[in-house]
Amino acid sequence: CSAAAVAAAVGAAVGQQQHQQHFAVAGAASHHSSQNLMLCPGNDEVLLVTLDDVGSSAIKGWNQACKTQGRPEKELKLDDCIVCVNSLSCNSAKMMKDSEGVLETCRFDHLVSLSPRKFEVTIVKTGDRILGL
């Protein structure tokens, strides 16, 4: 799978995120929070980090280990796309299966994620001009 294919898959997955079925990676946490993260297949090629009522204890443990072991760049955040797990890429089903073990054992070099850039655009229309969109 080429870098261009991964980039296209990430873009498509982020765009389709709200329409995907969610799957928990590990056991449920004991409380509800707006910051409960979990993984779901973004499409056939990437996994997405999304919000859930319960969340994944594996992701919570991973993020805590990232903080305590000095690896903050590996912490998973909302809307991150996981593009490689255990050297597997471009196969979200296999990556989903392997992700639980990688997250629970905190093997930082066995998981590659990308954080999409977020930006805001403001368009100001004056008078009766057509925007051309």
N, C-alpha and C. Protein backbone atom coordinates (compact mmCIF):
# COMPACT_ATOMS: atom_id res chain seq x y z
N CYS A 1 0.86 -1.17 0.00
CA CYS A 1 0.00 0.00 0.00
C CYS A 1 0.91 1.24 0.00
N SER A 2 0.74 2.12 -0.94
CA SER A 2 1.61 3.28 -1.08
C SER A 2 1.21 4.40 -0.13
N ALA A 3 2.10 5.37 0.05
CA ALA A 3 1.81 6.52 0.90
C ALA A 3 0.61 7.30 0.36
N ALA A 4 0.50 7.40 -0.95
CA ALA A 4 -0.64 8.10 -1.55
C ALA A 4 -1.94 7.38 -1.26
N ALA A 5 -1.91 6.04 -1.30
CA ALA A 5 -3.11 5.26 -1.01
C ALA A 5 -3.51 5.43 0.46
N VAL A 6 -2.52 5.44 1.35
CA VAL A 6 -2.81 5.65 2.78
C VAL A 6 -3.42 7.03 2.99
N ALA A 7 -2.84 8.06 2.36
CA ALA A 7 -3.36 9.41 2.50
C ALA A 7 -4.80 9.50 1.99
N ALA A 8 -5.09 8.86 0.88
CA ALA A 8 -6.46 8.87 0.35
C ALA A 8 -7.40 8.13 1.29
N ALA A 9 -6.94 7.01 1.85
CA ALA A 9 -7.78 6.24 2.78
C ALA A 9 -8.06 7.03 4.04
N VAL A 10 -7.06 7.74 4.55
CA VAL A 10 -7.25 8.57 5.74
C VAL A 10 -8.28 9.65 5.46
N GLY A 11 -8.16 10.33 4.34
CA GLY A 11 -9.12 11.38 3.99
C GLY A 11 -10.53 10.84 3.86
N ALA A 12 -10.67 9.71 3.21
CA ALA A 12 -12.00 9.11 3.04
C ALA A 12 -12.56 8.65 4.37
N ALA A 13 -11.71 8.08 5.23
CA ALA A 13 -12.18 7.58 6.52
C ALA A 13 -12.64 8.70 7.42
N VAL A 14 -11.90 9.78 7.46
CA VAL A 14 -12.28 10.92 8.29
C VAL A 14 -13.61 11.50 7.80
N GLY A 15 -13.80 11.56 6.50
CA GLY A 15 -15.04 12.08 5.93
C GLY A 15 -16.24 11.20 6.21
N GLN A 16 -16.03 9.89 6.37
CA GLN A 16 -17.12 8.95 6.59
C GLN A 16 -17.29 8.59 8.06
N GLN A 17 -16.53 9.19 8.95
CA GLN A 17 -16.47 8.78 10.34
C GLN A 17 -17.83 8.66 11.01
N GLN A 18 -18.74 9.57 10.77
CA GLN A 18 -20.01 9.56 11.48
C GLN A 18 -20.92 8.43 11.03
N HIS A 19 -20.61 7.77 9.92
CA HIS A 19 -21.49 6.74 9.38
C HIS A 19 -20.99 5.33 9.66
N GLN A 20 -19.97 5.17 10.45
CA GLN A 20 -19.38 3.86 10.69
C GLN A 20 -19.90 3.24 11.98
N GLN A 21 -19.96 1.90 11.99
CA GLN A 21 -20.30 1.18 13.20
C GLN A 21 -19.06 1.14 14.08
N HIS A 22 -19.23 1.31 15.40
CA HIS A 22 -18.10 1.35 16.32
C HIS A 22 -17.92 -0.02 17.00
N PHE A 23 -16.66 -0.36 17.25
CA PHE A 23 -16.34 -1.59 17.94
C PHE A 23 -15.38 -1.27 19.07
N ALA A 24 -15.65 -1.80 20.27
CA ALA A 24 -14.74 -1.57 21.40
C ALA A 24 -13.50 -2.42 21.21
N VAL A 25 -12.35 -1.88 21.61
CA VAL A 25 -11.10 -2.62 21.50
C VAL A 25 -10.89 -3.51 22.70
N ALA A 26 -11.27 -3.04 23.87
CA ALA A 26 -11.05 -3.81 25.09
C ALA A 26 -12.23 -3.62 26.01
N GLY A 27 -12.11 -4.14 27.23
CA GLY A 27 -13.20 -4.08 28.19
C GLY A 27 -13.66 -2.67 28.48
N ALA A 28 -14.91 -2.55 28.89
CA ALA A 28 -15.51 -1.25 29.12
C ALA A 28 -14.98 -0.61 30.40
N ALA A 29 -14.90 0.68 30.38
CA ALA A 29 -14.51 1.43 31.58
C ALA A 29 -15.72 1.49 32.52
N SER A 30 -15.51 1.85 33.74
CA SER A 30 -16.58 1.82 34.73
C SER A 30 -17.39 3.10 34.78
N HIS A 31 -16.98 4.13 34.07
CA HIS A 31 -17.74 5.38 34.10
C HIS A 31 -17.85 5.97 32.70
N HIS A 32 -18.77 6.91 32.54
CA HIS A 32 -18.98 7.55 31.24
C HIS A 32 -18.30 8.91 31.25
N SER A 33 -17.77 9.29 30.08
CA SER A 33 -17.08 10.57 29.96
C SER A 33 -17.10 11.01 28.52
N SER A 34 -17.06 12.32 28.29
CA SER A 34 -17.01 12.81 26.92
C SER A 34 -15.64 12.53 26.28
N GLN A 35 -14.66 12.10 27.06
CA GLN A 35 -13.33 11.81 26.53
C GLN A 35 -13.06 10.31 26.43
N ASN A 36 -14.09 9.49 26.36
CA ASN A 36 -13.90 8.05 26.21
C ASN A 36 -13.63 7.73 24.75
N LEU A 37 -12.42 7.31 24.48
CA LEU A 37 -11.99 7.04 23.11
C LEU A 37 -12.05 5.55 22.81
N MET A 38 -12.30 5.24 21.55
CA MET A 38 -12.28 3.86 21.11
C MET A 38 -11.87 3.82 19.64
N LEU A 39 -11.61 2.64 19.14
CA LEU A 39 -11.25 2.47 17.73
C LEU A 39 -12.44 1.96 16.95
N CYS A 40 -12.55 2.40 15.72
CA CYS A 40 -13.52 1.83 14.79
C CYS A 40 -12.89 1.79 13.42
N PRO A 41 -13.30 0.83 12.59
CA PRO A 41 -12.78 0.81 11.22
C PRO A 41 -13.24 2.06 10.48
N GLY A 42 -12.30 2.85 9.98
CA GLY A 42 -12.66 4.04 9.22
C GLY A 42 -13.10 3.66 7.82
N ASN A 43 -12.46 2.68 7.26
CA ASN A 43 -12.79 2.07 5.98
C ASN A 43 -11.99 0.78 5.93
N ASP A 44 -11.73 0.24 4.76
CA ASP A 44 -11.00 -1.03 4.67
C ASP A 44 -9.52 -0.90 5.00
N GLU A 45 -9.00 0.34 5.10
CA GLU A 45 -7.56 0.52 5.17
C GLU A 45 -7.03 1.19 6.44
N VAL A 46 -7.86 1.89 7.19
CA VAL A 46 -7.39 2.59 8.39
C VAL A 46 -8.39 2.41 9.53
N LEU A 47 -7.89 2.65 10.75
CA LEU A 47 -8.74 2.68 11.94
C LEU A 47 -8.85 4.12 12.41
N LEU A 48 -9.98 4.49 12.97
CA LEU A 48 -10.18 5.84 13.49
C LEU A 48 -10.34 5.81 14.99
N VAL A 49 -9.82 6.83 15.66
CA VAL A 49 -10.06 7.02 17.08
C VAL A 49 -11.29 7.91 17.20
N THR A 50 -12.33 7.38 17.84
CA THR A 50 -13.61 8.08 17.94
C THR A 50 -14.04 8.18 19.40
N LEU A 51 -15.13 8.88 19.63
CA LEU A 51 -15.72 8.98 20.97
C LEU A 51 -16.78 7.91 21.14
N ASP A 52 -16.97 7.46 22.38
CA ASP A 52 -17.97 6.47 22.70
C ASP A 52 -18.44 6.71 24.13
N ASP A 53 -19.63 6.25 24.46
CA ASP A 53 -20.14 6.42 25.82
C ASP A 53 -19.28 5.72 26.86
N VAL A 54 -18.74 4.57 26.51
CA VAL A 54 -17.95 3.78 27.45
C VAL A 54 -16.46 3.94 27.20
N GLY A 55 -16.05 3.79 25.97
CA GLY A 55 -14.64 3.92 25.63
C GLY A 55 -13.87 2.63 25.81
N SER A 56 -12.62 2.68 25.52
CA SER A 56 -11.73 1.52 25.56
C SER A 56 -10.73 1.67 26.70
N SER A 57 -10.73 0.68 27.58
CA SER A 57 -9.74 0.71 28.66
C SER A 57 -8.33 0.55 28.10
N ALA A 58 -8.20 -0.13 26.95
CA ALA A 58 -6.88 -0.30 26.33
C ALA A 58 -6.32 1.04 25.88
N ILE A 59 -7.15 1.89 25.28
CA ILE A 59 -6.68 3.21 24.85
C ILE A 59 -6.35 4.07 26.06
N LYS A 60 -7.16 4.00 27.10
CA LYS A 60 -6.87 4.76 28.32
C LYS A 60 -5.53 4.34 28.91
N GLY A 61 -5.28 3.04 28.97
CA GLY A 61 -4.01 2.54 29.48
C GLY A 61 -2.84 2.94 28.59
N TRP A 62 -3.04 2.87 27.28
CA TRP A 62 -2.00 3.28 26.31
C TRP A 62 -1.63 4.75 26.53
N ASN A 63 -2.64 5.61 26.59
CA ASN A 63 -2.38 7.04 26.76
C ASN A 63 -1.70 7.34 28.09
N GLN A 64 -2.10 6.63 29.13
CA GLN A 64 -1.44 6.83 30.43
C GLN A 64 0.02 6.39 30.36
N ALA A 65 0.29 5.28 29.70
CA ALA A 65 1.67 4.80 29.54
C ALA A 65 2.49 5.78 28.71
N CYS A 66 1.88 6.36 27.70
CA CYS A 66 2.58 7.36 26.88
C CYS A 66 3.06 8.53 27.74
N LYS A 67 2.19 8.96 28.66
CA LYS A 67 2.55 10.07 29.55
C LYS A 67 3.64 9.67 30.52
N THR A 68 3.51 8.51 31.15
CA THR A 68 4.47 8.13 32.19
C THR A 68 5.81 7.68 31.62
N GLN A 69 5.82 7.21 30.37
CA GLN A 69 7.06 6.71 29.78
C GLN A 69 7.70 7.72 28.83
N GLY A 70 7.23 8.96 28.87
CA GLY A 70 7.86 10.01 28.07
C GLY A 70 7.64 9.89 26.57
N ARG A 71 6.50 9.37 26.15
CA ARG A 71 6.20 9.23 24.72
C ARG A 71 4.90 9.96 24.37
N PRO A 72 4.79 11.26 24.70
CA PRO A 72 3.53 11.98 24.47
C PRO A 72 3.13 12.04 23.00
N GLU A 73 4.08 11.93 22.09
CA GLU A 73 3.77 11.98 20.66
C GLU A 73 2.99 10.75 20.20
N LYS A 74 3.00 9.68 20.98
CA LYS A 74 2.29 8.45 20.63
C LYS A 74 0.87 8.40 21.21
N GLU A 75 0.52 9.39 22.05
CA GLU A 75 -0.81 9.40 22.66
C GLU A 75 -1.88 9.50 21.58
N LEU A 76 -2.95 8.71 21.73
CA LEU A 76 -4.04 8.71 20.76
C LEU A 76 -5.06 9.78 21.14
N LYS A 77 -5.50 10.52 20.12
CA LYS A 77 -6.45 11.61 20.33
C LYS A 77 -7.63 11.41 19.38
N LEU A 78 -8.72 12.09 19.68
CA LEU A 78 -9.91 12.03 18.85
C LEU A 78 -9.56 12.36 17.40
N ASP A 79 -10.08 11.60 16.48
CA ASP A 79 -9.91 11.76 15.03
C ASP A 79 -8.56 11.29 14.50
N ASP A 80 -7.68 10.76 15.37
CA ASP A 80 -6.44 10.18 14.86
C ASP A 80 -6.77 8.98 13.98
N CYS A 81 -5.95 8.75 12.99
CA CYS A 81 -6.09 7.60 12.09
C CYS A 81 -4.93 6.66 12.33
N ILE A 82 -5.22 5.42 12.64
CA ILE A 82 -4.18 4.41 12.80
C ILE A 82 -3.97 3.77 11.44
N VAL A 83 -2.75 3.87 10.94
CA VAL A 83 -2.44 3.40 9.60
C VAL A 83 -1.58 2.14 9.58
N CYS A 84 -1.04 1.75 10.74
CA CYS A 84 -0.19 0.56 10.79
C CYS A 84 -0.19 -0.02 12.20
N VAL A 85 -0.40 -1.34 12.29
CA VAL A 85 -0.35 -2.07 13.56
C VAL A 85 0.47 -3.33 13.31
N ASN A 86 1.52 -3.53 14.08
CA ASN A 86 2.38 -4.72 13.92
C ASN A 86 2.85 -4.91 12.48
N SER A 87 3.23 -3.84 11.84
CA SER A 87 3.70 -3.83 10.45
C SER A 87 2.60 -4.15 9.43
N LEU A 88 1.36 -4.25 9.88
CA LEU A 88 0.23 -4.44 8.97
C LEU A 88 -0.34 -3.08 8.61
N SER A 89 -0.60 -2.86 7.32
CA SER A 89 -1.25 -1.63 6.91
C SER A 89 -2.24 -1.95 5.80
N CYS A 90 -3.14 -1.00 5.55
CA CYS A 90 -4.13 -1.12 4.48
C CYS A 90 -5.07 -2.30 4.66
N ASN A 91 -5.30 -2.74 5.90
CA ASN A 91 -6.25 -3.81 6.18
C ASN A 91 -6.83 -3.57 7.57
N SER A 92 -7.93 -2.82 7.64
CA SER A 92 -8.46 -2.42 8.94
C SER A 92 -8.93 -3.61 9.77
N ALA A 93 -9.42 -4.67 9.14
CA ALA A 93 -9.88 -5.83 9.90
C ALA A 93 -8.73 -6.49 10.66
N LYS A 94 -7.60 -6.70 9.97
CA LYS A 94 -6.44 -7.31 10.63
C LYS A 94 -5.84 -6.35 11.66
N MET A 95 -5.79 -5.05 11.31
CA MET A 95 -5.24 -4.07 12.27
C MET A 95 -6.11 -4.00 13.52
N MET A 96 -7.43 -4.08 13.36
CA MET A 96 -8.34 -4.05 14.51
C MET A 96 -8.07 -5.24 15.42
N LYS A 97 -7.89 -6.41 14.81
CA LYS A 97 -7.63 -7.62 15.58
C LYS A 97 -6.33 -7.52 16.37
N ASP A 98 -5.27 -6.99 15.75
CA ASP A 98 -3.97 -6.88 16.42
C ASP A 98 -3.86 -5.70 17.38
N SER A 99 -4.73 -4.71 17.22
CA SER A 99 -4.57 -3.47 17.99
C SER A 99 -4.73 -3.68 19.49
N GLU A 100 -5.61 -4.58 19.90
CA GLU A 100 -5.83 -4.77 21.33
C GLU A 100 -4.55 -5.19 22.04
N GLY A 101 -3.85 -6.17 21.49
CA GLY A 101 -2.61 -6.62 22.11
C GLY A 101 -1.54 -5.54 22.13
N VAL A 102 -1.43 -4.79 21.04
CA VAL A 102 -0.44 -3.72 20.97
C VAL A 102 -0.75 -2.64 22.00
N LEU A 103 -2.02 -2.25 22.09
CA LEU A 103 -2.41 -1.21 23.05
C LEU A 103 -2.19 -1.68 24.49
N GLU A 104 -2.59 -2.90 24.79
CA GLU A 104 -2.49 -3.39 26.17
C GLU A 104 -1.06 -3.59 26.63
N THR A 105 -0.15 -3.92 25.71
CA THR A 105 1.25 -4.14 26.09
C THR A 105 2.11 -2.90 25.87
N CYS A 106 1.49 -1.84 25.34
CA CYS A 106 2.17 -0.55 25.12
C CYS A 106 3.44 -0.71 24.29
N ARG A 107 3.35 -1.45 23.21
CA ARG A 107 4.47 -1.59 22.28
C ARG A 107 4.41 -0.39 21.33
N PHE A 108 5.02 0.70 21.74
CA PHE A 108 4.89 1.99 21.06
C PHE A 108 5.33 1.94 19.60
N ASP A 109 6.33 1.15 19.29
CA ASP A 109 6.84 1.12 17.92
C ASP A 109 6.03 0.20 17.01
N HIS A 110 4.99 -0.42 17.53
CA HIS A 110 4.16 -1.33 16.74
C HIS A 110 2.87 -0.68 16.27
N LEU A 111 2.71 0.60 16.52
CA LEU A 111 1.50 1.31 16.12
C LEU A 111 1.88 2.66 15.52
N VAL A 112 1.35 2.95 14.33
CA VAL A 112 1.62 4.23 13.66
C VAL A 112 0.27 4.93 13.46
N SER A 113 0.20 6.15 13.96
CA SER A 113 -1.04 6.92 13.81
C SER A 113 -0.72 8.30 13.22
N LEU A 114 -1.72 8.87 12.58
CA LEU A 114 -1.62 10.21 12.01
C LEU A 114 -2.69 11.08 12.63
N SER A 115 -2.34 12.31 12.94
CA SER A 115 -3.32 13.26 13.46
C SER A 115 -3.68 14.24 12.35
N PRO A 116 -4.95 14.25 11.95
CA PRO A 116 -5.34 15.18 10.89
C PRO A 116 -5.25 16.62 11.38
N ARG A 117 -4.86 17.50 10.48
CA ARG A 117 -4.84 18.93 10.81
C ARG A 117 -6.25 19.46 10.77
N LYS A 118 -6.58 20.24 11.77
CA LYS A 118 -7.90 20.85 11.81
C LYS A 118 -7.75 22.35 11.57
N PHE A 119 -8.65 22.89 10.78
CA PHE A 119 -8.61 24.32 10.52
C PHE A 119 -10.02 24.80 10.27
N GLU A 120 -10.20 26.07 10.38
CA GLU A 120 -11.51 26.69 10.19
C GLU A 120 -11.42 27.70 9.07
N VAL A 121 -12.44 27.71 8.23
CA VAL A 121 -12.50 28.64 7.11
C VAL A 121 -13.74 29.51 7.28
N THR A 122 -13.59 30.81 7.11
CA THR A 122 -14.72 31.73 7.16
C THR A 122 -14.84 32.42 5.81
N ILE A 123 -16.03 32.33 5.23
CA ILE A 123 -16.29 32.98 3.94
C ILE A 123 -17.26 34.12 4.20
N VAL A 124 -16.89 35.30 3.77
CA VAL A 124 -17.74 36.48 3.95
C VAL A 124 -18.30 36.87 2.59
N LYS A 125 -19.61 36.90 2.50
CA LYS A 125 -20.29 37.28 1.26
C LYS A 125 -20.86 38.67 1.45
N THR A 126 -20.55 39.56 0.53
CA THR A 126 -21.08 40.92 0.62
C THR A 126 -22.06 41.17 -0.51
N GLY A 127 -23.12 41.86 -0.18
CA GLY A 127 -24.11 42.22 -1.20
C GLY A 127 -24.74 41.04 -1.86
N ASP A 128 -25.04 41.20 -3.14
CA ASP A 128 -25.72 40.17 -3.91
C ASP A 128 -24.75 39.31 -4.72
N ARG A 129 -23.50 39.32 -4.39
CA ARG A 129 -22.49 38.58 -5.15
C ARG A 129 -22.68 37.08 -4.96
N ILE A 130 -22.46 36.34 -6.02
CA ILE A 130 -22.53 34.87 -5.97
C ILE A 130 -21.15 34.35 -5.59
N LEU A 131 -21.13 33.38 -4.70
CA LEU A 131 -19.86 32.84 -4.25
C LEU A 131 -19.23 31.90 -5.26
N GLY A 132 -20.01 31.32 -6.13
CA GLY A 132 -19.43 30.41 -7.13
C GLY A 132 -19.16 29.02 -6.61
N LEU A 133 -19.81 28.67 -5.51
CA LEU A 133 -19.61 27.32 -4.96
C LEU A 133 -20.62 26.36 -5.48
